[in-house]
Amino acid sequence: MHAAQTMTAIAIRDGRGPAGALHPVRVPLPVPAAGELLLRVHAAGVNRPDLLQREGHYPPPPGAPDTLGLEVAGEVVVAAGRWQVGDRVCALLGGGGYAQYAVVDARHALPIPFETSDDGSDFVRAAALPETVFTVYANVFEHGALRAGETLLVHGATSGIGVMAIQMGKAAGARVIATARGADKAAQALALGADIAIDTLTQDFGALAQQAGGVDVALDMVGASYLEANLAALNTGGRIVYIAAQGGGTLQVPVWTLMRKRAVLTGSTLRPRDADEKARLAAQVERVVWPWIREGRVRAVVDRTFPLEQAAQAHACLEAGQHVGKIVLAV
């Protein structure tokens, strides 16, 4: 067992609140159970579900730590499974990433797919991968069944999910149409590899996507306010996959349109999946996506890095919505 008995972690003052409620505290070191790793965390990704949990809207699943943080990169301190002490890994967590140490199911860790760097940037980039890569793979390639030669519509193009979906769609041989709020963000989507970028502040993405030949899979985190345009853009047999509902969570579905297009509405969340399902997904991600990263076809895009103690500022930055890619805490 590691010699340290306590560690710094980020807590939420009064259990919920604004970004300013986040503050560092000293807490006991977590103790891994059988089959779990103890990681010395070097970097932790910041994600929108963290904001929801901080506000009291997204409680951790049973058995997960109350501490925020769904993805980390670091070194193995206590080994299990295929891992050895000192191995450099990134991992998907049920919680607990905003801390100096974290416990994770050994099956939910993956090797860092970058060369070691003296400045720690490899850990920062690796911490930006698990939550977005797992989410995109599960929703676009499994639920959405995207195939080479099809067209993927990605909303929120410059978000962490959007940036990853554009790249993974292109790596898989799909055409990608991306939407963003503002001309600058649309231009950034093109720079990330999108074939077509649409500014939703000034353009009708449903009509433009139709004119461009339609889409086969739409990855949507907006929800109700985009349903009509998504369906307009959808080709026969197309799939709309929901991963959030920032624009409304209750759909009024035009059933005749759904039937005529033989459309599928589906979606999923990642965090509540059981450990075996996450292990299955991790194995698929390592098999399919990790080679794309090593080949340079998919890269981690990190907008800003904050020290762990500045988690409040990191949340405020994410809430402002001006970032491109991921925000990461350096530990």
C-alpha atoms as a PDB file:
ATOM      1  CA  MET A   1       0.000   0.000   0.000  1.00  0.00           C
ATOM      2  CA  HIS A   2       1.169   3.527  -0.696  1.00  0.00           C
ATOM      3  CA  ALA A   3       2.754   5.328   2.249  1.00  0.00           C
ATOM      4  CA  ALA A   4       0.449   8.361   2.050  1.00  0.00           C
ATOM      5  CA  GLN A   5      -2.672   8.232   4.221  1.00  0.00           C
ATOM      6  CA  THR A   6      -4.468  11.366   3.028  1.00  0.00           C
ATOM      7  CA  MET A   7      -4.712  13.287  -0.210  1.00  0.00           C
ATOM      8  CA  THR A   8      -6.070  16.481  -1.704  1.00  0.00           C
ATOM      9  CA  ALA A   9      -9.432  16.201  -3.412  1.00  0.00           C
ATOM     10  CA  ILE A  10     -12.068  18.667  -4.587  1.00  0.00           C
ATOM     11  CA  ALA A  11     -15.271  18.895  -2.561  1.00  0.00           C
ATOM     12  CA  ILE A  12     -18.532  20.788  -3.128  1.00  0.00           C
ATOM     13  CA  ARG A  13     -19.296  23.226  -0.325  1.00  0.00           C
ATOM     14  CA  ASP A  14     -22.768  22.422   1.126  1.00  0.00           C
ATOM     15  CA  GLY A  15     -23.081  19.474  -1.253  1.00  0.00           C
ATOM     16  CA  ARG A  16     -24.213  21.472  -4.288  1.00  0.00           C
ATOM     17  CA  GLY A  17     -23.850  24.928  -5.746  1.00  0.00           C
ATOM     18  CA  PRO A  18     -22.203  27.142  -8.373  1.00  0.00           C
ATOM     19  CA  ALA A  19     -18.672  26.709  -9.666  1.00  0.00           C
ATOM     20  CA  GLY A  20     -17.360  28.715  -6.714  1.00  0.00           C
ATOM     21  CA  ALA A  21     -18.589  25.983  -4.350  1.00  0.00           C
ATOM     22  CA  LEU A  22     -15.685  23.760  -5.425  1.00  0.00           C
ATOM     23  CA  HIS A  23     -12.750  23.824  -3.016  1.00  0.00           C
ATOM     24  CA  PRO A  24      -9.791  21.592  -2.091  1.00  0.00           C
ATOM     25  CA  VAL A  25      -9.955  19.443   1.057  1.00  0.00           C
ATOM     26  CA  ARG A  26      -7.850  16.718   2.663  1.00  0.00           C
ATOM     27  CA  VAL A  27      -9.510  13.303   2.644  1.00  0.00           C
ATOM     28  CA  PRO A  28      -8.399   9.710   3.328  1.00  0.00           C
ATOM     29  CA  LEU A  29      -6.658   7.884   0.522  1.00  0.00           C
ATOM     30  CA  PRO A  30      -9.079   5.509  -1.265  1.00  0.00           C
ATOM     31  CA  VAL A  31      -8.497   1.793  -0.745  1.00  0.00           C
ATOM     32  CA  PRO A  32      -8.776  -0.456  -3.817  1.00  0.00           C
ATOM     33  CA  ALA A  33     -10.825  -3.648  -3.605  1.00  0.00           C
ATOM     34  CA  ALA A  34      -9.951  -6.873  -5.391  1.00  0.00           C
ATOM     35  CA  GLY A  35      -9.636  -6.264  -9.117  1.00  0.00           C
ATOM     36  CA  GLU A  36      -9.157  -2.518  -8.692  1.00  0.00           C
ATOM     37  CA  LEU A  37      -6.190  -0.241  -9.327  1.00  0.00           C
ATOM     38  CA  LEU A  38      -5.015   2.623  -7.155  1.00  0.00           C
ATOM     39  CA  LEU A  39      -3.780   5.369  -9.467  1.00  0.00           C
ATOM     40  CA  ARG A  40      -1.586   8.352  -8.719  1.00  0.00           C
ATOM     41  CA  VAL A  41      -3.568  10.868 -10.735  1.00  0.00           C
ATOM     42  CA  HIS A  42      -1.608  13.281 -12.931  1.00  0.00           C
ATOM     43  CA  ALA A  43      -4.540  14.771 -14.841  1.00  0.00           C
ATOM     44  CA  ALA A  44      -8.338  14.643 -14.746  1.00  0.00           C
ATOM     45  CA  GLY A  45     -10.811  15.565 -17.464  1.00  0.00           C
ATOM     46  CA  VAL A  46     -13.601  18.048 -16.788  1.00  0.00           C
ATOM     47  CA  ASN A  47     -16.973  17.138 -18.309  1.00  0.00           C
ATOM     48  CA  ARG A  48     -20.486  18.526 -18.463  1.00  0.00           C
ATOM     49  CA  PRO A  49     -21.844  15.721 -16.231  1.00  0.00           C
ATOM     50  CA  ASP A  50     -19.511  17.103 -13.536  1.00  0.00           C
ATOM     51  CA  LEU A  51     -21.370  20.414 -13.752  1.00  0.00           C
ATOM     52  CA  LEU A  52     -24.694  18.621 -13.403  1.00  0.00           C
ATOM     53  CA  GLN A  53     -23.477  16.669 -10.381  1.00  0.00           C
ATOM     54  CA  ARG A  54     -22.141  19.842  -8.776  1.00  0.00           C
ATOM     55  CA  GLU A  55     -25.591  21.402  -9.206  1.00  0.00           C
ATOM     56  CA  GLY A  56     -27.265  18.374  -7.604  1.00  0.00           C
ATOM     57  CA  HIS A  57     -28.839  17.012 -10.812  1.00  0.00           C
ATOM     58  CA  TYR A  58     -26.636  13.961 -11.514  1.00  0.00           C
ATOM     59  CA  PRO A  59     -25.878  11.911  -8.398  1.00  0.00           C
ATOM     60  CA  PRO A  60     -23.111   9.282  -8.600  1.00  0.00           C
ATOM     61  CA  PRO A  61     -24.213   5.670  -9.100  1.00  0.00           C
ATOM     62  CA  PRO A  62     -24.283   3.349  -6.061  1.00  0.00           C
ATOM     63  CA  GLY A  63     -20.799   2.610  -4.778  1.00  0.00           C
ATOM     64  CA  ALA A  64     -19.111   5.473  -6.653  1.00  0.00           C
ATOM     65  CA  PRO A  65     -17.294   8.257  -4.755  1.00  0.00           C
ATOM     66  CA  ASP A  66     -19.053  11.560  -4.173  1.00  0.00           C
ATOM     67  CA  THR A  67     -15.968  13.358  -5.512  1.00  0.00           C
ATOM     68  CA  LEU A  68     -16.378  14.637  -9.071  1.00  0.00           C
ATOM     69  CA  GLY A  69     -14.346  13.327 -11.974  1.00  0.00           C
ATOM     70  CA  LEU A  70     -15.169  10.669 -14.579  1.00  0.00           C
ATOM     71  CA  GLU A  71     -11.784  10.249 -16.285  1.00  0.00           C
ATOM     72  CA  VAL A  72      -8.135  10.434 -15.286  1.00  0.00           C
ATOM     73  CA  ALA A  73      -4.636   9.639 -16.437  1.00  0.00           C
ATOM     74  CA  GLY A  74      -1.877   8.588 -14.086  1.00  0.00           C
ATOM     75  CA  GLU A  75       0.425   5.867 -12.807  1.00  0.00           C
ATOM     76  CA  VAL A  76      -0.502   2.556 -11.191  1.00  0.00           C
ATOM     77  CA  VAL A  77       0.379   2.510  -7.471  1.00  0.00           C
ATOM     78  CA  VAL A  78      -1.487  -0.668  -6.517  1.00  0.00           C
ATOM     79  CA  ALA A  79      -1.771  -3.171  -9.367  1.00  0.00           C
ATOM     80  CA  ALA A  80      -4.490  -5.584 -10.453  1.00  0.00           C
ATOM     81  CA  GLY A  81      -5.462  -7.465 -13.592  1.00  0.00           C
ATOM     82  CA  ARG A  82      -3.037  -7.004 -16.483  1.00  0.00           C
ATOM     83  CA  TRP A  83      -1.381  -3.930 -14.969  1.00  0.00           C
ATOM     84  CA  GLN A  84       1.895  -3.527 -13.087  1.00  0.00           C
ATOM     85  CA  VAL A  85       3.018  -0.869 -10.607  1.00  0.00           C
ATOM     86  CA  GLY A  86       4.321   2.112 -12.566  1.00  0.00           C
ATOM     87  CA  ASP A  87       2.223   1.503 -15.669  1.00  0.00           C
ATOM     88  CA  ARG A  88       0.902   4.693 -17.263  1.00  0.00           C
ATOM     89  CA  VAL A  89      -2.824   4.454 -17.918  1.00  0.00           C
ATOM     90  CA  CYS A  90      -5.937   6.490 -18.513  1.00  0.00           C
ATOM     91  CA  ALA A  91      -9.212   5.299 -17.085  1.00  0.00           C
ATOM     92  CA  LEU A  92     -12.967   5.743 -17.046  1.00  0.00           C
ATOM     93  CA  LEU A  93     -14.318   6.252 -13.529  1.00  0.00           C
ATOM     94  CA  GLY A  94     -17.703   6.266 -11.850  1.00  0.00           C
ATOM     95  CA  GLY A  95     -16.383   9.250  -9.863  1.00  0.00           C
ATOM     96  CA  GLY A  96     -13.424  10.362  -7.791  1.00  0.00           C
ATOM     97  CA  GLY A  97     -11.157  11.814 -10.476  1.00  0.00           C
ATOM     98  CA  TYR A  98     -10.706  15.296  -8.982  1.00  0.00           C
ATOM     99  CA  ALA A  99      -8.099  14.030  -6.519  1.00  0.00           C
ATOM    100  CA  GLN A 100      -4.452  13.067  -6.153  1.00  0.00           C
ATOM    101  CA  TYR A 101      -5.344   9.357  -6.103  1.00  0.00           C
ATOM    102  CA  ALA A 102      -8.259   7.403  -7.563  1.00  0.00           C
ATOM    103  CA  VAL A 103      -9.519   3.828  -7.540  1.00  0.00           C
ATOM    104  CA  VAL A 104     -10.714   2.183 -10.748  1.00  0.00           C
ATOM    105  CA  ASP A 105     -11.758  -1.245 -11.968  1.00  0.00           C
ATOM    106  CA  ALA A 106      -8.633  -2.601 -13.674  1.00  0.00           C
ATOM    107  CA  ARG A 107     -10.713  -3.505 -16.733  1.00  0.00           C
ATOM    108  CA  HIS A 108     -11.708   0.140 -17.236  1.00  0.00           C
ATOM    109  CA  ALA A 109      -8.105   1.334 -17.669  1.00  0.00           C
ATOM    110  CA  LEU A 110      -6.315   1.619 -20.992  1.00  0.00           C
ATOM    111  CA  PRO A 111      -2.649   2.205 -21.851  1.00  0.00           C
ATOM    112  CA  ILE A 112      -1.776   5.825 -22.592  1.00  0.00           C
ATOM    113  CA  PRO A 113      -1.528   5.906 -26.395  1.00  0.00           C
ATOM    114  CA  PHE A 114       1.106   8.662 -26.550  1.00  0.00           C
ATOM    115  CA  GLU A 115       4.862   8.784 -26.140  1.00  0.00           C
ATOM    116  CA  THR A 116       6.107   9.797 -22.695  1.00  0.00           C
ATOM    117  CA  SER A 117       6.794  13.530 -22.372  1.00  0.00           C
ATOM    118  CA  ASP A 118       8.918  15.275 -19.752  1.00  0.00           C
ATOM    119  CA  ASP A 119       6.375  18.070 -19.277  1.00  0.00           C
ATOM    120  CA  GLY A 120       3.466  15.770 -18.440  1.00  0.00           C
ATOM    121  CA  SER A 121       1.500  16.716 -21.535  1.00  0.00           C
ATOM    122  CA  ASP A 122       0.984  13.041 -22.330  1.00  0.00           C
ATOM    123  CA  PHE A 123      -1.016  12.638 -19.110  1.00  0.00           C
ATOM    124  CA  VAL A 124      -3.031  15.787 -19.868  1.00  0.00           C
ATOM    125  CA  ARG A 125      -3.939  14.607 -23.357  1.00  0.00           C
ATOM    126  CA  ALA A 126      -4.706  11.084 -22.145  1.00  0.00           C
ATOM    127  CA  ALA A 127      -7.040  12.390 -19.426  1.00  0.00           C
ATOM    128  CA  ALA A 128      -9.075  14.054 -22.176  1.00  0.00           C
ATOM    129  CA  LEU A 129      -9.839  10.739 -23.875  1.00  0.00           C
ATOM    130  CA  PRO A 130     -11.903   8.187 -21.881  1.00  0.00           C
ATOM    131  CA  GLU A 131     -15.225   9.947 -21.321  1.00  0.00           C
ATOM    132  CA  THR A 132     -15.483  11.332 -24.841  1.00  0.00           C
ATOM    133  CA  VAL A 133     -14.086   8.321 -26.696  1.00  0.00           C
ATOM    134  CA  PHE A 134     -16.249   5.817 -24.804  1.00  0.00           C
ATOM    135  CA  THR A 135     -19.333   8.014 -25.285  1.00  0.00           C
ATOM    136  CA  VAL A 136     -18.788   8.520 -29.015  1.00  0.00           C
ATOM    137  CA  TYR A 137     -17.928   4.893 -29.668  1.00  0.00           C
ATOM    138  CA  ALA A 138     -20.959   3.562 -27.775  1.00  0.00           C
ATOM    139  CA  ASN A 139     -23.425   6.010 -29.279  1.00  0.00           C
ATOM    140  CA  VAL A 140     -22.175   6.611 -32.822  1.00  0.00           C
ATOM    141  CA  PHE A 141     -20.760   3.194 -33.671  1.00  0.00           C
ATOM    142  CA  GLU A 142     -22.859   0.856 -31.513  1.00  0.00           C
ATOM    143  CA  HIS A 143     -26.271   2.504 -31.019  1.00  0.00           C
ATOM    144  CA  GLY A 144     -26.006   4.568 -34.207  1.00  0.00           C
ATOM    145  CA  ALA A 145     -24.318   1.783 -36.224  1.00  0.00           C
ATOM    146  CA  LEU A 146     -22.351   4.272 -38.345  1.00  0.00           C
ATOM    147  CA  ARG A 147     -20.646   2.623 -41.316  1.00  0.00           C
ATOM    148  CA  ALA A 148     -17.982   3.775 -43.761  1.00  0.00           C
ATOM    149  CA  GLY A 149     -19.501   5.799 -46.576  1.00  0.00           C
ATOM    150  CA  GLU A 150     -22.414   7.082 -44.475  1.00  0.00           C
ATOM    151  CA  THR A 151     -22.895  10.658 -43.270  1.00  0.00           C
ATOM    152  CA  LEU A 152     -22.649  11.610 -39.601  1.00  0.00           C
ATOM    153  CA  LEU A 153     -24.243  14.803 -38.288  1.00  0.00           C
ATOM    154  CA  VAL A 154     -22.460  16.108 -35.174  1.00  0.00           C
ATOM    155  CA  HIS A 155     -24.015  18.845 -33.065  1.00  0.00           C
ATOM    156  CA  GLY A 156     -21.933  20.924 -30.665  1.00  0.00           C
ATOM    157  CA  ALA A 157     -18.919  20.555 -32.922  1.00  0.00           C
ATOM    158  CA  THR A 158     -16.387  22.304 -30.686  1.00  0.00           C
ATOM    159  CA  SER A 159     -17.407  20.573 -27.447  1.00  0.00           C
ATOM    160  CA  GLY A 160     -15.293  17.730 -26.119  1.00  0.00           C
ATOM    161  CA  ILE A 161     -17.766  15.214 -27.517  1.00  0.00           C
ATOM    162  CA  GLY A 162     -18.133  17.084 -30.800  1.00  0.00           C
ATOM    163  CA  VAL A 163     -14.401  17.340 -31.429  1.00  0.00           C
ATOM    164  CA  MET A 164     -13.982  13.616 -30.815  1.00  0.00           C
ATOM    165  CA  ALA A 165     -17.034  12.614 -32.868  1.00  0.00           C
ATOM    166  CA  ILE A 166     -15.815  14.555 -35.905  1.00  0.00           C
ATOM    167  CA  GLN A 167     -12.434  12.852 -35.799  1.00  0.00           C
ATOM    168  CA  MET A 168     -13.735   9.351 -35.092  1.00  0.00           C
ATOM    169  CA  GLY A 169     -16.343   9.658 -37.816  1.00  0.00           C
ATOM    170  CA  LYS A 170     -13.697  10.625 -40.345  1.00  0.00           C
ATOM    171  CA  ALA A 171     -11.331   7.885 -39.150  1.00  0.00           C
ATOM    172  CA  ALA A 172     -14.106   5.352 -39.755  1.00  0.00           C
ATOM    173  CA  GLY A 173     -14.588   6.529 -43.332  1.00  0.00           C
ATOM    174  CA  ALA A 174     -17.760   8.573 -42.890  1.00  0.00           C
ATOM    175  CA  ARG A 175     -18.608  12.003 -44.211  1.00  0.00           C
ATOM    176  CA  VAL A 176     -19.149  14.472 -41.351  1.00  0.00           C
ATOM    177  CA  ILE A 177     -21.497  17.446 -41.199  1.00  0.00           C
ATOM    178  CA  ALA A 178     -20.970  19.508 -38.038  1.00  0.00           C
ATOM    179  CA  THR A 179     -23.050  22.254 -36.446  1.00  0.00           C
ATOM    180  CA  ALA A 180     -21.877  24.988 -34.111  1.00  0.00           C
ATOM    181  CA  ARG A 181     -23.172  28.242 -32.673  1.00  0.00           C
ATOM    182  CA  GLY A 182     -21.286  30.997 -34.501  1.00  0.00           C
ATOM    183  CA  ALA A 183     -19.167  31.399 -37.605  1.00  0.00           C
ATOM    184  CA  ASP A 184     -15.887  31.103 -35.711  1.00  0.00           C
ATOM    185  CA  LYS A 185     -16.871  27.764 -34.198  1.00  0.00           C
ATOM    186  CA  ALA A 186     -18.085  26.523 -37.575  1.00  0.00           C
ATOM    187  CA  ALA A 187     -14.679  27.399 -39.012  1.00  0.00           C
ATOM    188  CA  GLN A 188     -13.013  25.502 -36.179  1.00  0.00           C
ATOM    189  CA  ALA A 189     -15.155  22.465 -36.992  1.00  0.00           C
ATOM    190  CA  LEU A 190     -13.810  22.508 -40.546  1.00  0.00           C
ATOM    191  CA  ALA A 191     -10.262  22.723 -39.196  1.00  0.00           C
ATOM    192  CA  LEU A 192     -10.987  19.638 -37.069  1.00  0.00           C
ATOM    193  CA  GLY A 193     -11.883  17.675 -40.184  1.00  0.00           C
ATOM    194  CA  ALA A 194     -15.601  18.178 -40.761  1.00  0.00           C
ATOM    195  CA  ASP A 195     -16.566  18.098 -44.442  1.00  0.00           C
ATOM    196  CA  ILE A 196     -19.355  20.648 -43.953  1.00  0.00           C
ATOM    197  CA  ALA A 197     -19.859  23.056 -41.038  1.00  0.00           C
ATOM    198  CA  ILE A 198     -23.120  24.885 -40.362  1.00  0.00           C
ATOM    199  CA  ASP A 199     -23.588  27.947 -38.140  1.00  0.00           C
ATOM    200  CA  THR A 200     -26.895  27.297 -36.361  1.00  0.00           C
ATOM    201  CA  LEU A 201     -27.183  30.962 -35.348  1.00  0.00           C
ATOM    202  CA  THR A 202     -27.677  32.033 -38.964  1.00  0.00           C
ATOM    203  CA  GLN A 203     -28.368  28.849 -40.962  1.00  0.00           C
ATOM    204  CA  ASP A 204     -31.016  26.100 -41.050  1.00  0.00           C
ATOM    205  CA  PHE A 205     -28.997  22.946 -40.489  1.00  0.00           C
ATOM    206  CA  GLY A 206     -31.898  20.657 -41.417  1.00  0.00           C
ATOM    207  CA  ALA A 207     -32.351  22.225 -44.837  1.00  0.00           C
ATOM    208  CA  LEU A 208     -28.622  22.509 -45.549  1.00  0.00           C
ATOM    209  CA  ALA A 209     -27.943  18.918 -44.508  1.00  0.00           C
ATOM    210  CA  GLN A 210     -30.796  17.787 -46.781  1.00  0.00           C
ATOM    211  CA  GLN A 211     -29.299  19.745 -49.676  1.00  0.00           C
ATOM    212  CA  ALA A 212     -25.948  18.092 -48.997  1.00  0.00           C
ATOM    213  CA  GLY A 213     -27.439  14.624 -49.422  1.00  0.00           C
ATOM    214  CA  GLY A 214     -28.866  13.988 -45.973  1.00  0.00           C
ATOM    215  CA  VAL A 215     -27.459  12.231 -42.924  1.00  0.00           C
ATOM    216  CA  ASP A 216     -27.542   8.636 -41.721  1.00  0.00           C
ATOM    217  CA  VAL A 217     -26.632   9.193 -38.062  1.00  0.00           C
ATOM    218  CA  ALA A 218     -27.186  12.322 -35.969  1.00  0.00           C
ATOM    219  CA  LEU A 219     -25.370  12.624 -32.629  1.00  0.00           C
ATOM    220  CA  ASP A 220     -27.465  15.035 -30.593  1.00  0.00           C
ATOM    221  CA  MET A 221     -26.960  16.561 -27.149  1.00  0.00           C
ATOM    222  CA  VAL A 222     -29.577  19.288 -27.697  1.00  0.00           C
ATOM    223  CA  GLY A 223     -32.810  17.304 -27.636  1.00  0.00           C
ATOM    224  CA  ALA A 224     -36.321  18.564 -28.269  1.00  0.00           C
ATOM    225  CA  SER A 225     -35.537  21.853 -30.006  1.00  0.00           C
ATOM    226  CA  TYR A 226     -33.520  20.065 -32.714  1.00  0.00           C
ATOM    227  CA  LEU A 227     -35.850  17.118 -33.401  1.00  0.00           C
ATOM    228  CA  GLU A 228     -37.715  18.604 -36.364  1.00  0.00           C
ATOM    229  CA  ALA A 229     -34.546  19.656 -38.177  1.00  0.00           C
ATOM    230  CA  ASN A 230     -32.808  16.368 -37.355  1.00  0.00           C
ATOM    231  CA  LEU A 231     -35.700  14.429 -38.906  1.00  0.00           C
ATOM    232  CA  ALA A 232     -35.685  16.721 -41.932  1.00  0.00           C
ATOM    233  CA  ALA A 233     -32.004  15.983 -42.463  1.00  0.00           C
ATOM    234  CA  LEU A 234     -32.317  12.237 -41.880  1.00  0.00           C
ATOM    235  CA  ASN A 235     -32.084   9.778 -44.760  1.00  0.00           C
ATOM    236  CA  THR A 236     -34.366   6.751 -44.950  1.00  0.00           C
ATOM    237  CA  GLY A 237     -33.263   4.274 -42.301  1.00  0.00           C
ATOM    238  CA  GLY A 238     -31.374   6.986 -40.414  1.00  0.00           C
ATOM    239  CA  ARG A 239     -30.662   7.023 -36.685  1.00  0.00           C
ATOM    240  CA  ILE A 240     -30.819   9.910 -34.187  1.00  0.00           C
ATOM    241  CA  VAL A 241     -28.781   9.179 -31.073  1.00  0.00           C
ATOM    242  CA  TYR A 242     -29.314  11.279 -27.946  1.00  0.00           C
ATOM    243  CA  ILE A 243     -26.596  11.777 -25.342  1.00  0.00           C
ATOM    244  CA  ALA A 244     -28.041  14.848 -23.573  1.00  0.00           C
ATOM    245  CA  ALA A 245     -31.022  17.206 -23.762  1.00  0.00           C
ATOM    246  CA  GLN A 246     -29.743  20.741 -23.272  1.00  0.00           C
ATOM    247  CA  GLY A 247     -32.591  22.077 -25.461  1.00  0.00           C
ATOM    248  CA  GLY A 248     -35.408  20.100 -23.854  1.00  0.00           C
ATOM    249  CA  GLY A 249     -35.859  16.522 -22.695  1.00  0.00           C
ATOM    250  CA  THR A 250     -39.406  15.771 -23.885  1.00  0.00           C
ATOM    251  CA  LEU A 251     -39.876  15.008 -27.576  1.00  0.00           C
ATOM    252  CA  GLN A 252     -43.073  15.563 -29.559  1.00  0.00           C
ATOM    253  CA  VAL A 253     -42.451  13.026 -32.309  1.00  0.00           C
ATOM    254  CA  PRO A 254     -44.160  13.305 -35.725  1.00  0.00           C
ATOM    255  CA  VAL A 255     -44.914   9.614 -35.982  1.00  0.00           C
ATOM    256  CA  TRP A 256     -45.807   9.619 -39.682  1.00  0.00           C
ATOM    257  CA  THR A 257     -42.421  11.145 -40.539  1.00  0.00           C
ATOM    258  CA  LEU A 258     -40.717   8.586 -38.318  1.00  0.00           C
ATOM    259  CA  MET A 259     -42.548   5.758 -40.079  1.00  0.00           C
ATOM    260  CA  ARG A 260     -42.007   7.125 -43.575  1.00  0.00           C
ATOM    261  CA  LYS A 261     -38.264   7.459 -43.021  1.00  0.00           C
ATOM    262  CA  ARG A 262     -38.013   4.207 -41.050  1.00  0.00           C
ATOM    263  CA  ALA A 263     -36.063   6.290 -38.561  1.00  0.00           C
ATOM    264  CA  VAL A 264     -34.673   5.136 -35.231  1.00  0.00           C
ATOM    265  CA  LEU A 265     -34.561   7.345 -32.140  1.00  0.00           C
ATOM    266  CA  THR A 266     -32.167   6.008 -29.527  1.00  0.00           C
ATOM    267  CA  GLY A 267     -29.625   7.164 -26.972  1.00  0.00           C
ATOM    268  CA  SER A 268     -27.722   6.197 -23.880  1.00  0.00           C
ATOM    269  CA  THR A 269     -25.784   7.317 -20.851  1.00  0.00           C
ATOM    270  CA  LEU A 270     -22.361   6.010 -19.935  1.00  0.00           C
ATOM    271  CA  ARG A 271     -21.952   6.426 -16.190  1.00  0.00           C
ATOM    272  CA  PRO A 272     -24.779   4.131 -14.965  1.00  0.00           C
ATOM    273  CA  ARG A 273     -23.612   1.137 -17.050  1.00  0.00           C
ATOM    274  CA  ASP A 274     -22.484  -1.792 -14.934  1.00  0.00           C
ATOM    275  CA  ALA A 275     -18.832  -2.741 -14.535  1.00  0.00           C
ATOM    276  CA  ASP A 276     -18.953  -5.663 -16.969  1.00  0.00           C
ATOM    277  CA  GLU A 277     -20.539  -3.535 -19.679  1.00  0.00           C
ATOM    278  CA  LYS A 278     -17.921  -0.802 -19.219  1.00  0.00           C
ATOM    279  CA  ALA A 279     -15.207  -3.469 -19.417  1.00  0.00           C
ATOM    280  CA  ARG A 280     -16.671  -4.735 -22.695  1.00  0.00           C
ATOM    281  CA  LEU A 281     -16.771  -1.194 -24.045  1.00  0.00           C
ATOM    282  CA  ALA A 282     -13.182  -0.529 -22.923  1.00  0.00           C
ATOM    283  CA  ALA A 283     -11.985  -3.586 -24.830  1.00  0.00           C
ATOM    284  CA  GLN A 284     -13.780  -2.402 -27.964  1.00  0.00           C
ATOM    285  CA  VAL A 285     -12.356   1.105 -27.648  1.00  0.00           C
ATOM    286  CA  GLU A 286      -8.833  -0.294 -27.278  1.00  0.00           C
ATOM    287  CA  ARG A 287      -9.330  -2.538 -30.297  1.00  0.00           C
ATOM    288  CA  VAL A 288     -10.912   0.035 -32.631  1.00  0.00           C
ATOM    289  CA  VAL A 289     -10.043   3.567 -31.513  1.00  0.00           C
ATOM    290  CA  TRP A 290      -6.599   3.241 -29.912  1.00  0.00           C
ATOM    291  CA  PRO A 291      -4.976   2.367 -33.295  1.00  0.00           C
ATOM    292  CA  TRP A 292      -6.536   5.520 -34.775  1.00  0.00           C
ATOM    293  CA  ILE A 293      -4.920   7.577 -32.013  1.00  0.00           C
ATOM    294  CA  ARG A 294      -1.525   5.932 -32.436  1.00  0.00           C
ATOM    295  CA  GLU A 295      -1.712   6.539 -36.181  1.00  0.00           C
ATOM    296  CA  GLY A 296      -2.507  10.224 -35.630  1.00  0.00           C
ATOM    297  CA  ARG A 297      -5.974  10.004 -37.201  1.00  0.00           C
ATOM    298  CA  VAL A 298      -7.629  10.917 -33.890  1.00  0.00           C
ATOM    299  CA  ARG A 299      -6.050  13.262 -31.363  1.00  0.00           C
ATOM    300  CA  ALA A 300      -6.903  14.663 -27.973  1.00  0.00           C
ATOM    301  CA  VAL A 301      -7.764  18.363 -28.255  1.00  0.00           C
ATOM    302  CA  VAL A 302      -7.184  20.214 -24.974  1.00  0.00           C
ATOM    303  CA  ASP A 303      -8.307  23.826 -24.833  1.00  0.00           C
ATOM    304  CA  ARG A 304      -7.080  24.779 -21.346  1.00  0.00           C
ATOM    305  CA  THR A 305      -5.460  23.213 -18.304  1.00  0.00           C
ATOM    306  CA  PHE A 306      -6.027  24.297 -14.699  1.00  0.00           C
ATOM    307  CA  PRO A 307      -4.322  23.107 -11.506  1.00  0.00           C
ATOM    308  CA  LEU A 308      -6.476  20.764  -9.427  1.00  0.00           C
ATOM    309  CA  GLU A 309      -6.950  23.462  -6.796  1.00  0.00           C
ATOM    310  CA  GLN A 310      -8.529  25.692  -9.471  1.00  0.00           C
ATOM    311  CA  ALA A 311     -11.377  23.300 -10.280  1.00  0.00           C
ATOM    312  CA  ALA A 312     -13.831  26.162  -9.702  1.00  0.00           C
ATOM    313  CA  GLN A 313     -12.201  28.196 -12.482  1.00  0.00           C
ATOM    314  CA  ALA A 314     -12.212  25.122 -14.748  1.00  0.00           C
ATOM    315  CA  HIS A 315     -15.964  24.694 -14.241  1.00  0.00           C
ATOM    316  CA  ALA A 316     -16.567  28.375 -14.929  1.00  0.00           C
ATOM    317  CA  CYS A 317     -14.571  28.052 -18.142  1.00  0.00           C
ATOM    318  CA  LEU A 318     -16.610  25.049 -19.271  1.00  0.00           C
ATOM    319  CA  GLU A 319     -19.861  26.841 -18.446  1.00  0.00           C
ATOM    320  CA  ALA A 320     -18.789  29.861 -20.518  1.00  0.00           C
ATOM    321  CA  GLY A 321     -18.801  27.610 -23.576  1.00  0.00           C
ATOM    322  CA  GLN A 322     -15.975  29.263 -25.481  1.00  0.00           C
ATOM    323  CA  HIS A 323     -13.629  26.280 -25.362  1.00  0.00           C
ATOM    324  CA  VAL A 324     -12.674  23.993 -28.248  1.00  0.00           C
ATOM    325  CA  GLY A 325     -12.195  20.422 -27.079  1.00  0.00           C
ATOM    326  CA  LYS A 326     -11.522  19.513 -23.471  1.00  0.00           C
ATOM    327  CA  ILE A 327     -10.666  21.289 -20.230  1.00  0.00           C
ATOM    328  CA  VAL A 328      -8.318  19.306 -17.999  1.00  0.00           C
ATOM    329  CA  LEU A 329      -7.135  19.548 -14.395  1.00  0.00           C
ATOM    330  CA  ALA A 330      -3.405  19.003 -13.843  1.00  0.00           C
ATOM    331  CA  VAL A 331      -2.778  17.239 -10.539  1.00  0.00           C
END
